[in-house]
Amino acid sequence: MNETPDAMPVHVSVENQLPEDLHRAMGVFIADHPQWDQYRLVQAAIAGFLFQQGCKERAVAQHYLAGLFHQQTCTQDALHS
């Protein structure tokens, strides 16, 4: 899939059930770190897991690195500049 720099990133909704204690910990983290929200946290967690398991896709690596450095993805940055 070739993406043009000015294209809006594709998003897919995912429904998931979390253990209550994990959900509570996520809420505490987000309350302590207002720059994060539940969507960004889940994206960072999934990208981190995939990257650490050896996923070689460039987009996954970009999401992983953006999560590490608390930045928006490159595609989102290009839209806001």
C-alpha atoms as a PDB file:
ATOM      1  CA  MET A   1       0.000   0.000   0.000  1.00  0.00           C
ATOM      2  CA  ASN A   2       1.556   3.297  -1.089  1.00  0.00           C
ATOM      3  CA  GLU A   3       0.500   6.225   1.016  1.00  0.00           C
ATOM      4  CA  THR A   4       0.856   9.811  -0.147  1.00  0.00           C
ATOM      5  CA  PRO A   5       2.235  12.241   2.451  1.00  0.00           C
ATOM      6  CA  ASP A   6      -0.946  14.317   2.454  1.00  0.00           C
ATOM      7  CA  ALA A   7      -3.291  11.303   2.866  1.00  0.00           C
ATOM      8  CA  MET A   8      -5.232  10.842   6.074  1.00  0.00           C
ATOM      9  CA  PRO A   9      -4.019   7.707   7.925  1.00  0.00           C
ATOM     10  CA  VAL A  10      -6.514   4.855   7.856  1.00  0.00           C
ATOM     11  CA  HIS A  11      -8.008   3.975  11.248  1.00  0.00           C
ATOM     12  CA  VAL A  12      -9.835   0.805  12.248  1.00  0.00           C
ATOM     13  CA  SER A  13     -12.025   0.555  15.345  1.00  0.00           C
ATOM     14  CA  VAL A  14     -11.263  -2.354  17.658  1.00  0.00           C
ATOM     15  CA  GLU A  15     -13.406  -3.522  20.535  1.00  0.00           C
ATOM     16  CA  ASN A  16     -11.659  -5.349  23.332  1.00  0.00           C
ATOM     17  CA  GLN A  17     -12.369  -6.473  26.861  1.00  0.00           C
ATOM     18  CA  LEU A  18      -9.658  -5.791  29.439  1.00  0.00           C
ATOM     19  CA  PRO A  19      -9.261  -7.234  32.913  1.00  0.00           C
ATOM     20  CA  GLU A  20     -10.573  -4.659  35.396  1.00  0.00           C
ATOM     21  CA  ASP A  21      -7.202  -4.183  37.112  1.00  0.00           C
ATOM     22  CA  LEU A  22      -5.469  -3.509  33.774  1.00  0.00           C
ATOM     23  CA  HIS A  23      -8.178  -1.006  32.822  1.00  0.00           C
ATOM     24  CA  ARG A  24      -7.828   0.707  36.206  1.00  0.00           C
ATOM     25  CA  ALA A  25      -4.028   0.919  35.801  1.00  0.00           C
ATOM     26  CA  MET A  26      -4.508   2.405  32.327  1.00  0.00           C
ATOM     27  CA  GLY A  27      -6.851   5.046  33.794  1.00  0.00           C
ATOM     28  CA  VAL A  28      -4.337   5.939  36.508  1.00  0.00           C
ATOM     29  CA  PHE A  29      -1.550   6.249  33.936  1.00  0.00           C
ATOM     30  CA  ILE A  30      -3.660   8.500  31.702  1.00  0.00           C
ATOM     31  CA  ALA A  31      -4.682  10.659  34.671  1.00  0.00           C
ATOM     32  CA  ASP A  32      -0.999  11.101  35.583  1.00  0.00           C
ATOM     33  CA  HIS A  33       0.074  11.723  31.965  1.00  0.00           C
ATOM     34  CA  PRO A  34      -2.434  14.075  30.310  1.00  0.00           C
ATOM     35  CA  GLN A  35      -0.576  13.978  26.971  1.00  0.00           C
ATOM     36  CA  TRP A  36      -1.751  10.354  26.633  1.00  0.00           C
ATOM     37  CA  ASP A  37      -5.255   9.038  25.986  1.00  0.00           C
ATOM     38  CA  GLN A  38      -6.595   5.489  25.800  1.00  0.00           C
ATOM     39  CA  TYR A  39      -6.243   5.330  22.028  1.00  0.00           C
ATOM     40  CA  ARG A  40      -2.645   6.478  21.967  1.00  0.00           C
ATOM     41  CA  LEU A  41      -1.750   4.146  24.828  1.00  0.00           C
ATOM     42  CA  VAL A  42      -3.263   1.090  23.106  1.00  0.00           C
ATOM     43  CA  GLN A  43      -1.589   2.012  19.802  1.00  0.00           C
ATOM     44  CA  ALA A  44       1.781   2.333  21.536  1.00  0.00           C
ATOM     45  CA  ALA A  45       1.282  -0.972  23.357  1.00  0.00           C
ATOM     46  CA  ILE A  46       0.370  -2.881  20.194  1.00  0.00           C
ATOM     47  CA  ALA A  47       3.192  -1.324  18.174  1.00  0.00           C
ATOM     48  CA  GLY A  48       5.661  -2.042  20.980  1.00  0.00           C
ATOM     49  CA  PHE A  49       4.597  -5.664  21.214  1.00  0.00           C
ATOM     50  CA  LEU A  50       4.769  -6.221  17.452  1.00  0.00           C
ATOM     51  CA  PHE A  51       8.136  -4.475  17.143  1.00  0.00           C
ATOM     52  CA  GLN A  52       9.634  -6.438  20.034  1.00  0.00           C
ATOM     53  CA  GLN A  53       8.357  -9.682  18.504  1.00  0.00           C
ATOM     54  CA  GLY A  54      10.306  -8.980  15.323  1.00  0.00           C
ATOM     55  CA  CYS A  55       7.741  -7.294  13.069  1.00  0.00           C
ATOM     56  CA  LYS A  56       9.707  -5.637  10.252  1.00  0.00           C
ATOM     57  CA  GLU A  57       7.000  -3.349   8.842  1.00  0.00           C
ATOM     58  CA  ARG A  58       8.159   0.248   8.655  1.00  0.00           C
ATOM     59  CA  ALA A  59       4.810   1.652   9.848  1.00  0.00           C
ATOM     60  CA  VAL A  60       4.955  -0.503  12.999  1.00  0.00           C
ATOM     61  CA  ALA A  61       8.488   0.709  13.732  1.00  0.00           C
ATOM     62  CA  GLN A  62       7.360   4.325  13.242  1.00  0.00           C
ATOM     63  CA  HIS A  63       4.456   3.882  15.679  1.00  0.00           C
ATOM     64  CA  TYR A  64       6.777   2.142  18.145  1.00  0.00           C
ATOM     65  CA  LEU A  65       9.367   4.932  18.033  1.00  0.00           C
ATOM     66  CA  ALA A  66       6.691   7.627  18.199  1.00  0.00           C
ATOM     67  CA  GLY A  67       5.343   5.949  21.340  1.00  0.00           C
ATOM     68  CA  LEU A  68       8.800   5.831  22.907  1.00  0.00           C
ATOM     69  CA  PHE A  69       9.394   9.506  22.302  1.00  0.00           C
ATOM     70  CA  HIS A  70       5.794  10.625  22.978  1.00  0.00           C
ATOM     71  CA  GLN A  71       5.343  11.979  19.469  1.00  0.00           C
ATOM     72  CA  GLN A  72       2.593  11.729  16.916  1.00  0.00           C
ATOM     73  CA  THR A  73       3.286   9.469  13.971  1.00  0.00           C
ATOM     74  CA  CYS A  74       5.102  10.974  10.994  1.00  0.00           C
ATOM     75  CA  THR A  75       1.918  10.924   8.924  1.00  0.00           C
ATOM     76  CA  GLN A  76       0.031  12.923  11.562  1.00  0.00           C
ATOM     77  CA  ASP A  77       2.893  15.414  11.895  1.00  0.00           C
ATOM     78  CA  ALA A  78       2.843  16.015   8.139  1.00  0.00           C
ATOM     79  CA  LEU A  79      -0.883  16.804   8.301  1.00  0.00           C
ATOM     80  CA  HIS A  80      -0.428  19.442  11.005  1.00  0.00           C
ATOM     81  CA  SER A  81       2.561  21.272   9.532  1.00  0.00           C
END
